[in-house]
Amino acid sequence: MLKSKLLMAFALTLVLLPVIAGCATPTPQIVEVTKEVIVTEEVEVVVTKEVEVLITPTPEPEKYAKYVFLFIGDGMAVAQRNAAELYLAATAHAEGRPEDVDLLMNTFPAQGMNTTYDLTSVIPDSASTATAIASGYKTASGVIGMDSAGNVSYENIAEVAKANGWKVGIVSSVSIDHATPAAFYAHQPSRNNYREIGEALANSEFDYFAGGPLKRPATSNDKQTELPDLYDMARENGFTVAVGKAEFDALKPGGGKVFVIPDYKISGEALYYDMDNVPENNLSIVDLTRKGIELLDNPDGFFLMVEAGKIDWACHANDAAAAIHDTIAFDRAIAEAYEFYQAHPDETVIIVTGDHETGGMSIGFAGTQYSAFFDKVQHQDISYDEFNAQVAAWREAGDTKFEDTWPVIQEHFGLLFLTAEEIADLEAKAEAGDKEAEAQLGMALSELELDLLEQGFTRSMGGEEERATDEQQYLLYGGYEPYVIKLTHILNQKAGIAWTSYSHTGIPVQTSAIGVGAELFNGYYDQVDIHTKMMSIAGFSDAVAMASK
């Protein structure tokens, strides 16, 4: 029998004071942990005792919301919102001032900021950020609704809402199996598991899905194996699959589960950019939101998530005009929810946020110094994505010269290819007070800009090997069509808009709210707290559960 000798003993008390986000007077949860370390001649034994001290639950809101709207502008932070407002003000009238126009989302009484980092990086992706908002847990980039190892699935607010008898709708302007919408109905270790995500949708009991078409509707993820059609699977599971505007317009309440997709297929399996869309013929994010409210409305409650996914895509491509127009369209979709809120102010909450920032968009460019000219953005009437097709046609022709493209560039971007004599003549008129001449000078290309454009054109006309991406080419063009990137960069810079990245950034995003419990969204917090606040407002969580998040 070993003879033990007590050499050392100590006690450690740890007091945990977690902040319960959104509470006016947070009640700390105190956990006392006592550790007694006993060291013997042969072995060290650590005995840990934990004593949880009961606390008074954090007060719940006096009223719960039974209609919860969550709007996510993918890639949308403060600069994207501000750019849209400045554009609207600048194009409203000649002397437009920034204070003349507000986006609806920016008028909401609750305004906060939140961080967006994930377990992989300060600069996250849409899968991890959407998971954080939907479930309240941080995870690794690329993971949908699960822990970073892909072993544990996290229940999200849409699933909780459905379990509580609410109707649920998921809307996106990009493919409905993309990372952000997927985080509200699927659980996958990789956002690229489009087939499995699509199967989760087809087997879902949610009431309304609407957005771009599925990426792998009838094949495996590697496209090598044909599989049963997911649209047929959805129909077999009780969905009405409405394809195109005519079938969409015919949808009425009471018809059961609905899955809406457009009757066309474009780049990325998405809806058109708002600036490219023909509303009379094609679905828009505003249409999908309005119909969602119509179909989901019921006395028991609903949860509707709407994502403006192409704000992100436009910012990846550094196309300010496309991003601005999609942000304005997003605000119009929010207006549809606001109209519902006005009819149900004591039962509704609307939350607007971004999942992360994209592009490092800035209001200000070194070349324009202390000035900005947002009216110049209006000269672009086509997105980078649509104009890519024109560049591809020139490349396919094989004999297109740089000068041959100038009339088309002037038509769609407003950039002017002027001779030195023409510029001198305009300068003289502008000095004499001619406003039209001054405006034309502002759109005239400098020798430096012409040189950059010609370099981009040459790269775009080259074969794939010639255009192969290296570090220098990536910094110049980001893997996008070189001619188009230079066009949008030059127009943006003339307007006083600049970019730092073709990827996401770690800039915090703005969150806005109106309605029941909206005040919880004031302040500075992390995006996981958006989930906690929504759950509290909907009455889906108690104080202890909130504190443990």
Protein backbone atom coordinates (compact mmCIF):
# COMPACT_ATOMS: atom_id res chain seq x y z
CA MET A 1 0.00 0.00 0.00
CA LEU A 2 1.42 3.31 -1.10
CA LYS A 3 1.86 5.98 1.50
CA SER A 4 0.53 9.30 0.14
CA LYS A 5 1.82 12.65 1.16
CA LEU A 6 -0.14 15.83 0.51
CA LEU A 7 2.30 18.34 -0.93
CA MET A 8 0.01 21.08 -2.25
CA ALA A 9 -3.64 22.04 -2.32
CA PHE A 10 -5.31 25.11 -3.72
CA ALA A 11 -8.68 26.31 -4.76
CA LEU A 12 -9.49 28.31 -7.84
CA THR A 13 -12.76 30.09 -8.27
CA LEU A 14 -13.71 31.15 -11.78
CA VAL A 15 -16.52 33.60 -12.27
CA LEU A 16 -17.97 33.67 -15.76
CA LEU A 17 -19.86 36.75 -16.79
CA PRO A 18 -21.25 36.10 -20.27
CA VAL A 19 -23.00 39.03 -21.87
CA ILE A 20 -26.49 38.15 -22.90
CA ALA A 21 -26.78 40.05 -26.15
CA GLY A 22 -29.59 42.48 -26.53
CA CYS A 23 -30.64 42.65 -22.86
CA ALA A 24 -30.91 46.05 -21.26
CA THR A 25 -29.60 44.81 -17.90
CA PRO A 26 -27.84 41.49 -18.47
CA THR A 27 -27.86 39.03 -15.56
CA PRO A 28 -24.53 37.23 -15.26
CA GLN A 29 -24.56 33.47 -15.05
CA ILE A 30 -22.07 32.56 -12.31
CA VAL A 31 -20.39 29.23 -12.38
CA GLU A 32 -18.01 28.48 -9.50
CA VAL A 33 -15.32 26.00 -10.42
CA THR A 34 -13.16 24.64 -7.60
CA LYS A 35 -10.05 22.69 -8.52
CA GLU A 36 -8.10 20.75 -5.86
CA VAL A 37 -4.74 19.47 -6.98
CA ILE A 38 -3.28 16.59 -4.89
CA VAL A 39 0.23 15.53 -5.63
CA THR A 40 1.47 12.18 -4.25
CA GLU A 41 4.85 10.53 -4.49
CA GLU A 42 3.69 8.38 -7.39
CA VAL A 43 0.88 10.25 -9.13
CA GLU A 44 -0.79 13.61 -9.49
CA VAL A 45 -4.57 13.62 -9.16
CA VAL A 46 -6.74 16.56 -10.25
CA VAL A 47 -10.24 16.71 -8.83
CA THR A 48 -12.57 19.28 -10.34
CA LYS A 49 -15.82 20.38 -8.76
CA GLU A 50 -18.29 22.58 -10.57
CA VAL A 51 -21.15 24.35 -8.85
CA GLU A 52 -23.67 26.16 -11.04
CA VAL A 53 -25.32 29.04 -9.25
CA LEU A 54 -28.96 29.52 -10.21
CA ILE A 55 -29.79 32.90 -11.68
CA THR A 56 -32.89 34.89 -12.45
CA PRO A 57 -33.79 34.32 -16.12
CA THR A 58 -33.20 37.22 -18.48
CA PRO A 59 -36.51 38.98 -19.18
CA GLU A 60 -38.10 37.98 -22.46
CA PRO A 61 -39.70 40.62 -24.70
CA GLU A 62 -43.15 41.72 -23.55
CA LYS A 63 -44.50 40.65 -26.94
CA TYR A 64 -43.26 37.98 -29.31
CA ALA A 65 -43.19 38.42 -33.07
CA LYS A 66 -44.98 35.78 -35.08
CA TYR A 67 -43.92 37.16 -38.45
CA VAL A 68 -40.13 37.24 -38.77
CA PHE A 69 -38.44 38.61 -41.90
CA LEU A 70 -34.69 38.16 -42.33
CA PHE A 71 -33.12 39.96 -45.29
CA ILE A 72 -29.48 39.14 -46.08
CA GLY A 73 -27.59 41.26 -48.58
CA ASP A 74 -24.76 38.94 -49.55
CA GLY A 75 -21.55 40.96 -49.58
CA MET A 76 -23.40 44.07 -48.40
CA ALA A 77 -21.79 46.27 -45.76
CA VAL A 78 -21.91 50.02 -45.10
CA ALA A 79 -20.18 51.04 -48.35
CA GLN A 80 -22.64 49.11 -50.53
CA ARG A 81 -25.62 50.69 -48.76
CA ASN A 82 -24.09 54.15 -48.87
CA ALA A 83 -23.17 53.82 -52.55
CA ALA A 84 -26.78 53.04 -53.44
CA GLU A 85 -28.02 56.08 -51.54
CA LEU A 86 -25.40 58.37 -53.08
CA TYR A 87 -26.30 57.09 -56.54
CA LEU A 88 -30.01 57.72 -55.99
CA ALA A 89 -29.31 61.21 -54.68
CA ALA A 90 -26.92 62.08 -57.51
CA THR A 91 -29.34 60.92 -60.20
CA ALA A 92 -32.48 62.41 -58.62
CA HIS A 93 -31.62 65.91 -59.83
CA ALA A 94 -28.59 67.97 -60.84
CA GLU A 95 -27.93 69.35 -57.37
CA GLY A 96 -28.70 66.14 -55.51
CA ARG A 97 -27.39 66.00 -51.96
CA PRO A 98 -26.55 62.81 -49.98
CA GLU A 99 -29.27 63.59 -47.43
CA ASP A 100 -31.92 63.83 -50.15
CA VAL A 101 -32.46 60.06 -50.43
CA ASP A 102 -32.52 57.23 -47.90
CA LEU A 103 -32.77 53.53 -48.51
CA LEU A 104 -35.73 52.18 -46.56
CA MET A 105 -33.44 49.81 -44.65
CA ASN A 106 -31.37 52.76 -43.45
CA THR A 107 -34.43 54.47 -41.95
CA PHE A 108 -35.24 51.63 -39.58
CA PRO A 109 -35.10 52.74 -35.92
CA ALA A 110 -32.59 50.08 -34.82
CA GLN A 111 -29.15 50.27 -36.39
CA GLY A 112 -26.17 48.16 -35.32
CA MET A 113 -22.86 46.78 -36.51
CA ASN A 114 -21.65 43.22 -36.29
CA THR A 115 -18.47 41.27 -36.90
CA THR A 116 -18.39 38.38 -39.38
CA TYR A 117 -15.22 36.30 -38.78
CA ASP A 118 -15.49 32.51 -38.78
CA LEU A 119 -13.38 29.66 -37.39
CA THR A 120 -11.17 29.67 -40.49
CA SER A 121 -10.38 33.31 -40.98
CA VAL A 122 -11.13 36.94 -40.20
CA ILE A 123 -12.29 36.96 -43.82
CA PRO A 124 -15.15 34.43 -43.95
CA ASP A 125 -17.22 32.86 -46.70
CA SER A 126 -20.98 32.77 -47.14
CA ALA A 127 -21.39 29.21 -45.86
CA SER A 128 -19.94 29.89 -42.42
CA THR A 129 -21.54 33.31 -42.04
CA ALA A 130 -24.98 32.06 -43.05
CA THR A 131 -24.56 29.18 -40.60
CA ALA A 132 -23.72 31.68 -37.85
CA ILE A 133 -26.82 33.76 -38.57
CA ALA A 134 -29.11 30.76 -39.05
CA SER A 135 -27.95 28.61 -36.13
CA GLY A 136 -25.95 30.85 -33.80
CA TYR A 137 -22.73 28.84 -34.12
CA LYS A 138 -19.47 29.74 -35.80
CA THR A 139 -18.01 27.15 -38.12
CA ALA A 140 -15.31 26.79 -40.76
CA SER A 141 -15.48 28.40 -44.19
CA GLY A 142 -17.32 26.20 -46.65
CA VAL A 143 -19.39 24.32 -44.07
CA ILE A 144 -23.20 24.43 -44.20
CA GLY A 145 -25.11 24.10 -40.92
CA MET A 146 -22.56 21.88 -39.18
CA ASP A 147 -19.52 22.04 -36.91
CA SER A 148 -16.13 22.63 -38.53
CA ALA A 149 -15.39 18.91 -38.72
CA GLY A 150 -18.69 18.17 -40.42
CA ASN A 151 -19.80 15.80 -37.68
CA VAL A 152 -22.52 17.69 -35.82
CA SER A 153 -25.55 19.33 -37.44
CA TYR A 154 -26.80 22.61 -36.01
CA GLU A 155 -30.52 23.28 -35.82
CA ASN A 156 -31.36 26.58 -37.47
CA ILE A 157 -34.10 29.12 -36.86
CA ALA A 158 -36.07 28.08 -39.96
CA GLU A 159 -36.25 24.49 -38.69
CA VAL A 160 -37.27 25.70 -35.23
CA ALA A 161 -39.97 27.89 -36.76
CA LYS A 162 -41.37 24.95 -38.72
CA ALA A 163 -41.31 22.74 -35.61
CA ASN A 164 -43.34 25.43 -33.84
CA GLY A 165 -46.09 25.35 -36.44
CA TRP A 166 -44.97 28.35 -38.50
CA LYS A 167 -44.77 28.43 -42.26
CA VAL A 168 -41.27 28.90 -43.70
CA GLY A 169 -40.00 30.47 -46.90
CA ILE A 170 -36.50 30.71 -48.42
CA VAL A 171 -35.77 33.15 -51.27
CA SER A 172 -32.58 33.99 -53.15
CA SER A 173 -31.57 35.87 -56.29
CA VAL A 174 -28.88 33.23 -56.93
CA SER A 175 -29.27 29.48 -57.15
CA ILE A 176 -31.49 28.28 -54.33
CA ASP A 177 -28.86 25.66 -53.38
CA HIS A 178 -26.17 28.30 -52.95
CA ALA A 179 -24.42 28.69 -49.59
CA THR A 180 -26.60 31.34 -47.93
CA PRO A 181 -30.05 29.87 -48.61
CA ALA A 182 -28.74 26.33 -48.05
CA ALA A 183 -27.71 27.17 -44.48
CA PHE A 184 -31.40 27.54 -43.60
CA TYR A 185 -32.47 24.05 -44.74
CA ALA A 186 -29.42 21.81 -45.29
CA HIS A 187 -26.51 20.39 -43.31
CA GLN A 188 -23.41 19.55 -45.34
CA PRO A 189 -19.65 19.54 -44.65
CA SER A 190 -19.10 21.30 -47.98
CA ARG A 191 -21.08 24.02 -49.70
CA ASN A 192 -20.12 22.32 -52.98
CA ASN A 193 -22.31 19.30 -52.20
CA TYR A 194 -24.97 20.76 -54.43
CA ARG A 195 -26.62 17.42 -55.12
CA GLU A 196 -27.08 16.65 -51.41
CA ILE A 197 -28.27 20.21 -50.72
CA GLY A 198 -30.78 19.90 -53.56
CA GLU A 199 -32.03 16.62 -52.13
CA ALA A 200 -32.56 18.31 -48.77
CA LEU A 201 -34.71 20.92 -50.50
CA ALA A 202 -36.71 18.35 -52.47
CA ASN A 203 -37.45 16.45 -49.25
CA SER A 204 -38.11 19.53 -47.13
CA GLU A 205 -41.37 20.32 -45.37
CA PHE A 206 -40.80 24.06 -45.77
CA ASP A 207 -43.58 25.87 -47.56
CA TYR A 208 -41.91 28.17 -50.11
CA PHE A 209 -38.63 28.04 -52.00
CA ALA A 210 -37.92 30.59 -54.73
CA GLY A 211 -34.73 31.52 -56.56
CA GLY A 212 -32.31 30.47 -59.24
CA PRO A 213 -32.40 26.87 -60.47
CA LEU A 214 -30.57 23.98 -58.81
CA LYS A 215 -26.95 23.42 -59.85
CA ARG A 216 -27.07 19.59 -59.90
CA PRO A 217 -30.71 18.69 -60.56
CA ALA A 218 -30.00 15.42 -62.36
CA THR A 219 -26.31 14.59 -61.89
CA SER A 220 -23.74 13.87 -59.21
CA ASN A 221 -21.59 16.74 -57.94
CA ASP A 222 -18.82 15.84 -60.40
CA LYS A 223 -21.40 15.74 -63.24
CA GLN A 224 -20.20 12.25 -64.18
CA THR A 225 -23.24 10.25 -63.06
CA GLU A 226 -26.87 10.76 -64.01
CA LEU A 227 -29.24 10.71 -61.03
CA PRO A 228 -33.01 11.05 -60.51
CA ASP A 229 -34.32 14.52 -61.32
CA LEU A 230 -34.65 16.64 -58.17
CA TYR A 231 -37.56 18.65 -59.58
CA ASP A 232 -39.50 15.41 -60.08
CA MET A 233 -38.49 14.38 -56.56
CA ALA A 234 -39.83 17.66 -55.23
CA ARG A 235 -43.12 17.13 -57.05
CA GLU A 236 -43.39 13.61 -55.63
CA ASN A 237 -42.90 15.11 -52.16
CA GLY A 238 -45.81 17.50 -52.56
CA PHE A 239 -44.25 20.59 -54.13
CA THR A 240 -45.82 22.56 -56.91
CA VAL A 241 -42.83 23.44 -59.08
CA ALA A 242 -43.63 26.72 -60.81
CA VAL A 243 -41.32 27.46 -63.75
CA GLY A 244 -41.27 30.97 -65.15
CA LYS A 245 -43.36 34.07 -64.64
CA ALA A 246 -46.68 32.79 -66.00
CA GLU A 247 -46.78 29.77 -63.67
CA PHE A 248 -45.49 31.95 -60.85
CA ASP A 249 -48.24 34.53 -61.33
CA ALA A 250 -50.85 31.76 -61.22
CA LEU A 251 -49.86 30.63 -57.71
CA LYS A 252 -52.51 31.21 -55.05
CA PRO A 253 -52.57 30.72 -51.26
CA GLY A 254 -53.71 27.34 -49.99
CA GLY A 255 -52.07 25.31 -52.73
CA GLY A 256 -49.51 23.57 -50.56
CA LYS A 257 -45.72 23.64 -50.82
CA VAL A 258 -44.24 25.72 -53.64
CA PHE A 259 -40.86 25.71 -55.42
CA VAL A 260 -40.30 28.58 -57.89
CA ILE A 261 -37.52 28.80 -60.49
CA PRO A 262 -37.09 30.94 -63.63
CA ASP A 263 -37.72 29.55 -67.10
CA TYR A 264 -34.24 30.47 -68.30
CA LYS A 265 -30.70 29.51 -67.34
CA ILE A 266 -27.91 32.07 -67.19
CA SER A 267 -24.45 32.26 -65.69
CA GLY A 268 -24.36 30.86 -62.18
CA GLU A 269 -27.94 29.53 -62.27
CA ALA A 270 -29.27 32.83 -60.91
CA LEU A 271 -31.82 35.52 -61.61
CA TYR A 272 -30.77 38.36 -63.87
CA TYR A 273 -29.01 41.35 -62.40
CA ASP A 274 -31.65 43.97 -61.83
CA MET A 275 -30.09 46.30 -64.42
CA ASP A 276 -30.27 43.49 -67.03
CA ASN A 277 -33.73 42.25 -66.14
CA VAL A 278 -36.89 42.79 -68.16
CA PRO A 279 -39.53 42.81 -65.37
CA GLU A 280 -42.43 42.13 -67.72
CA ASN A 281 -40.86 38.83 -68.75
CA ASN A 282 -38.72 37.63 -65.87
CA LEU A 283 -38.92 37.14 -62.13
CA SER A 284 -37.21 39.54 -59.74
CA ILE A 285 -36.32 39.42 -56.05
CA VAL A 286 -39.19 41.84 -55.45
CA ASP A 287 -41.65 39.47 -57.15
CA LEU A 288 -40.39 36.48 -55.16
CA THR A 289 -40.66 38.39 -51.87
CA ARG A 290 -44.15 39.68 -52.58
CA LYS A 291 -45.41 36.23 -53.56
CA GLY A 292 -43.74 34.66 -50.55
CA ILE A 293 -45.64 36.97 -48.20
CA GLU A 294 -48.89 36.22 -50.02
CA LEU A 295 -48.43 32.44 -49.79
CA LEU A 296 -47.02 32.29 -46.27
CA ASP A 297 -49.45 34.67 -44.56
CA ASN A 298 -51.43 32.83 -41.89
CA PRO A 299 -52.57 33.49 -38.29
CA ASP A 300 -50.01 31.13 -36.72
CA GLY A 301 -46.88 32.86 -38.01
CA PHE A 302 -44.13 32.56 -40.60
CA PHE A 303 -40.38 32.97 -41.09
CA LEU A 304 -39.14 34.32 -44.42
CA MET A 305 -35.45 34.62 -45.35
CA VAL A 306 -34.63 36.64 -48.47
CA GLU A 307 -31.09 36.79 -49.85
CA ALA A 308 -29.84 39.31 -52.43
CA GLY A 309 -26.99 37.10 -53.58
CA LYS A 310 -25.87 39.01 -56.65
CA ILE A 311 -24.75 42.06 -54.68
CA ASP A 312 -21.90 39.79 -53.67
CA TRP A 313 -21.24 38.60 -57.21
CA ALA A 314 -21.13 42.15 -58.55
CA CYS A 315 -18.71 43.19 -55.82
CA HIS A 316 -16.47 40.20 -56.55
CA ALA A 317 -16.31 41.52 -60.13
CA ASN A 318 -15.81 45.11 -58.90
CA ASP A 319 -18.90 46.24 -60.83
CA ALA A 320 -20.31 49.11 -58.78
CA ALA A 321 -23.26 49.75 -61.09
CA ALA A 322 -24.52 46.16 -60.89
CA ALA A 323 -24.04 46.13 -57.10
CA ILE A 324 -25.85 49.44 -56.67
CA HIS A 325 -28.83 48.44 -58.79
CA ASP A 326 -29.18 45.10 -57.00
CA THR A 327 -28.96 46.86 -53.63
CA ILE A 328 -31.76 49.20 -54.68
CA ALA A 329 -33.83 46.22 -55.85
CA PHE A 330 -33.14 44.56 -52.50
CA ASP A 331 -34.49 47.65 -50.77
CA ARG A 332 -37.65 47.40 -52.86
CA ALA A 333 -38.04 43.80 -51.70
CA ILE A 334 -37.69 45.01 -48.10
CA ALA A 335 -40.47 47.50 -48.88
CA GLU A 336 -42.79 44.56 -49.56
CA ALA A 337 -42.13 43.29 -46.03
CA TYR A 338 -42.49 46.82 -44.66
CA GLU A 339 -45.96 47.06 -46.14
CA PHE A 340 -46.88 43.84 -44.30
CA TYR A 341 -45.32 45.24 -41.13
CA GLN A 342 -47.48 48.34 -41.36
CA ALA A 343 -50.56 46.10 -41.29
CA HIS A 344 -49.17 43.99 -38.40
CA PRO A 345 -46.85 46.32 -36.42
CA ASP A 346 -47.29 44.52 -33.09
CA GLU A 347 -46.61 41.05 -34.50
CA THR A 348 -43.80 41.61 -37.03
CA VAL A 349 -40.06 42.14 -37.02
CA ILE A 350 -37.90 42.88 -40.07
CA ILE A 351 -34.14 42.38 -39.81
CA VAL A 352 -31.75 43.45 -42.56
CA THR A 353 -28.08 42.48 -42.50
CA GLY A 354 -25.14 41.39 -44.62
CA ASP A 355 -23.30 38.11 -44.21
CA HIS A 356 -19.92 39.73 -44.94
CA GLU A 357 -18.44 42.51 -47.07
CA THR A 358 -17.20 41.82 -50.59
CA GLY A 359 -14.64 43.64 -52.70
CA GLY A 360 -13.39 46.13 -50.13
CA MET A 361 -15.60 48.77 -51.72
CA SER A 362 -14.70 52.33 -50.77
CA ILE A 363 -16.43 55.65 -51.28
CA GLY A 364 -13.36 57.53 -52.45
CA PHE A 365 -10.58 57.03 -54.99
CA ALA A 366 -7.07 58.50 -55.01
CA GLY A 367 -7.60 60.01 -58.45
CA THR A 368 -10.72 61.95 -57.47
CA GLN A 369 -9.24 62.96 -54.10
CA TYR A 370 -11.92 64.74 -52.03
CA SER A 371 -14.66 64.46 -54.65
CA ALA A 372 -17.15 61.86 -55.84
CA PHE A 373 -19.33 61.89 -58.95
CA PHE A 374 -21.92 59.16 -58.52
CA ASP A 375 -24.01 60.47 -61.40
CA LYS A 376 -21.40 58.95 -63.73
CA VAL A 377 -22.42 55.44 -62.69
CA GLN A 378 -25.74 55.91 -64.51
CA HIS A 379 -23.97 55.76 -67.88
CA GLN A 380 -23.45 52.00 -67.42
CA ASP A 381 -26.62 50.23 -68.56
CA ILE A 382 -25.41 46.62 -68.61
CA SER A 383 -23.76 44.39 -66.01
CA TYR A 384 -20.28 42.96 -66.39
CA ASP A 385 -21.91 39.54 -66.76
CA GLU A 386 -24.03 40.51 -69.75
CA PHE A 387 -21.18 42.44 -71.39
CA ASN A 388 -18.95 39.37 -71.11
CA ALA A 389 -21.04 37.87 -73.91
CA GLN A 390 -20.23 40.81 -76.18
CA VAL A 391 -16.52 40.44 -75.47
CA ALA A 392 -16.76 36.70 -76.16
CA ALA A 393 -18.39 37.47 -79.53
CA TRP A 394 -15.55 39.82 -80.45
CA ARG A 395 -13.03 37.17 -79.47
CA GLU A 396 -14.87 34.53 -81.49
CA ALA A 397 -14.88 36.78 -84.56
CA GLY A 398 -11.10 36.81 -84.42
CA ASP A 399 -10.58 40.06 -86.33
CA THR A 400 -11.98 42.68 -83.94
CA LYS A 401 -9.74 45.70 -83.44
CA PHE A 402 -9.64 47.82 -80.30
CA GLU A 403 -11.08 50.82 -82.18
CA ASP A 404 -13.98 48.69 -83.44
CA THR A 405 -15.29 48.36 -79.88
CA TRP A 406 -15.39 52.06 -79.05
CA PRO A 407 -18.97 52.81 -80.20
CA VAL A 408 -20.29 49.88 -78.15
CA ILE A 409 -18.30 50.99 -75.09
CA GLN A 410 -19.66 54.51 -75.42
CA GLU A 411 -23.22 53.16 -75.74
CA HIS A 412 -23.11 50.91 -72.65
CA PHE A 413 -20.60 52.68 -70.37
CA GLY A 414 -20.71 56.30 -71.51
CA LEU A 415 -16.93 56.49 -71.82
CA LEU A 416 -15.75 58.86 -74.56
CA PHE A 417 -12.83 58.24 -76.93
CA LEU A 418 -11.87 61.80 -77.87
CA THR A 419 -8.99 63.33 -79.76
CA ALA A 420 -6.77 65.99 -78.21
CA GLU A 421 -8.49 68.62 -80.36
CA GLU A 422 -11.96 67.51 -79.19
CA ILE A 423 -10.84 67.64 -75.57
CA ALA A 424 -9.35 71.13 -76.02
CA ASP A 425 -12.60 72.35 -77.56
CA LEU A 426 -14.66 70.93 -74.67
CA GLU A 427 -12.28 72.47 -72.13
CA ALA A 428 -12.80 75.90 -73.66
CA LYS A 429 -16.58 75.48 -73.56
CA ALA A 430 -16.47 74.21 -69.98
CA GLU A 431 -14.43 77.24 -68.87
CA ALA A 432 -17.15 79.41 -70.41
CA GLY A 433 -19.76 77.70 -68.23
CA ASP A 434 -21.06 75.04 -70.58
CA LYS A 435 -22.31 72.29 -68.23
CA GLU A 436 -22.77 69.75 -71.01
CA ALA A 437 -19.17 70.19 -72.10
CA GLU A 438 -18.06 69.78 -68.50
CA ALA A 439 -20.03 66.53 -68.23
CA GLN A 440 -18.49 65.18 -71.44
CA LEU A 441 -15.00 66.00 -70.21
CA GLY A 442 -15.74 64.00 -67.08
CA MET A 443 -16.40 60.91 -69.20
CA ALA A 444 -13.47 61.37 -71.60
CA LEU A 445 -10.74 58.76 -71.38
CA SER A 446 -7.23 59.91 -70.54
CA GLU A 447 -4.15 58.54 -72.28
CA LEU A 448 -3.45 56.36 -69.22
CA GLU A 449 -7.02 55.02 -69.18
CA LEU A 450 -6.86 54.31 -72.92
CA ASP A 451 -3.63 52.39 -72.44
CA LEU A 452 -5.11 50.32 -69.60
CA LEU A 453 -8.20 49.57 -71.67
CA GLU A 454 -6.17 48.48 -74.65
CA GLN A 455 -4.10 46.16 -72.46
CA GLY A 456 -7.31 44.63 -71.11
CA PHE A 457 -8.74 44.28 -74.61
CA THR A 458 -5.58 42.54 -75.82
CA ARG A 459 -5.72 40.10 -72.91
CA SER A 460 -9.39 39.35 -73.56
CA MET A 461 -8.80 38.70 -77.24
CA GLY A 462 -5.96 36.28 -76.45
CA GLY A 463 -6.32 32.52 -76.19
CA GLU A 464 -6.73 30.80 -72.84
CA GLU A 465 -3.00 30.08 -72.55
CA GLU A 466 -2.16 33.70 -73.26
CA ARG A 467 -4.67 34.78 -70.64
CA ALA A 468 -3.48 32.28 -68.03
CA THR A 469 -3.65 33.74 -64.54
CA ASP A 470 -0.48 34.60 -62.67
CA GLU A 471 -0.06 36.85 -59.63
CA GLN A 472 0.26 40.05 -61.66
CA GLN A 473 -2.68 39.22 -63.91
CA TYR A 474 -4.82 38.29 -60.93
CA LEU A 475 -4.13 41.62 -59.24
CA LEU A 476 -5.07 43.39 -62.46
CA TYR A 477 -8.13 41.36 -63.45
CA GLY A 478 -9.07 38.98 -60.64
CA GLY A 479 -9.72 36.10 -63.04
CA TYR A 480 -12.52 38.05 -64.75
CA GLU A 481 -12.73 39.18 -68.37
CA PRO A 482 -9.82 41.68 -68.54
CA TYR A 483 -11.49 44.17 -70.88
CA VAL A 484 -14.67 44.26 -68.82
CA ILE A 485 -12.81 44.61 -65.51
CA LYS A 486 -10.87 47.61 -66.86
CA LEU A 487 -14.09 49.18 -68.12
CA THR A 488 -15.84 48.91 -64.75
CA HIS A 489 -12.70 49.96 -62.85
CA ILE A 490 -12.25 53.09 -64.94
CA LEU A 491 -15.91 54.08 -64.72
CA ASN A 492 -15.97 53.40 -60.97
CA GLN A 493 -12.85 55.47 -60.45
CA LYS A 494 -14.28 58.38 -62.42
CA ALA A 495 -17.24 58.22 -60.02
CA GLY A 496 -14.94 58.15 -56.98
CA ILE A 497 -15.41 54.44 -56.15
CA ALA A 498 -12.51 52.08 -55.52
CA TRP A 499 -11.96 48.43 -54.61
CA THR A 500 -9.30 46.58 -52.63
CA SER A 501 -10.16 42.96 -53.43
CA TYR A 502 -11.90 40.49 -55.74
CA SER A 503 -12.76 38.44 -52.66
CA HIS A 504 -14.49 39.00 -49.33
CA THR A 505 -13.11 41.23 -46.59
CA GLY A 506 -13.36 41.20 -42.80
CA ILE A 507 -15.11 44.57 -42.55
CA PRO A 508 -18.04 44.52 -40.07
CA VAL A 509 -21.49 44.88 -41.59
CA GLN A 510 -24.52 46.98 -40.74
CA THR A 511 -27.67 45.40 -39.30
CA SER A 512 -31.03 47.19 -39.21
CA ALA A 513 -34.39 46.27 -37.70
CA ILE A 514 -37.92 47.49 -37.18
CA GLY A 515 -40.83 45.98 -35.30
CA VAL A 516 -41.16 43.76 -32.25
CA GLY A 517 -37.87 43.61 -30.30
CA ALA A 518 -36.03 45.69 -32.91
CA GLU A 519 -34.12 47.55 -30.19
CA LEU A 520 -32.10 44.38 -29.55
CA PHE A 521 -30.27 45.02 -32.82
CA ASN A 522 -28.78 48.33 -31.74
CA GLY A 523 -25.11 48.33 -30.77
CA TYR A 524 -22.03 46.37 -31.76
CA TYR A 525 -22.04 42.57 -31.64
CA ASP A 526 -21.13 39.43 -33.56
CA GLN A 527 -23.38 37.89 -36.18
CA VAL A 528 -24.07 34.81 -34.05
CA ASP A 529 -26.02 37.20 -31.83
CA ILE A 530 -28.42 37.88 -34.70
CA HIS A 531 -29.64 34.31 -34.27
CA THR A 532 -29.94 34.72 -30.49
CA LYS A 533 -31.93 37.93 -30.87
CA MET A 534 -34.26 36.46 -33.50
CA MET A 535 -34.91 33.38 -31.39
CA SER A 536 -35.73 35.55 -28.40
CA ILE A 537 -38.05 37.84 -30.34
CA ALA A 538 -39.89 34.84 -31.82
CA GLY A 539 -40.21 33.22 -28.39
CA PHE A 540 -38.21 30.18 -29.45
CA SER A 541 -35.58 30.29 -26.67
CA ASP A 542 -35.35 30.82 -22.92
CA ALA A 543 -32.79 32.88 -21.05
CA VAL A 544 -30.48 30.00 -20.19
CA ALA A 545 -30.34 28.87 -23.81
CA MET A 546 -29.58 32.43 -24.85
CA ALA A 547 -26.76 32.75 -22.34
CA SER A 548 -25.15 29.54 -23.48
CA LYS A 549 -24.77 30.67 -27.08
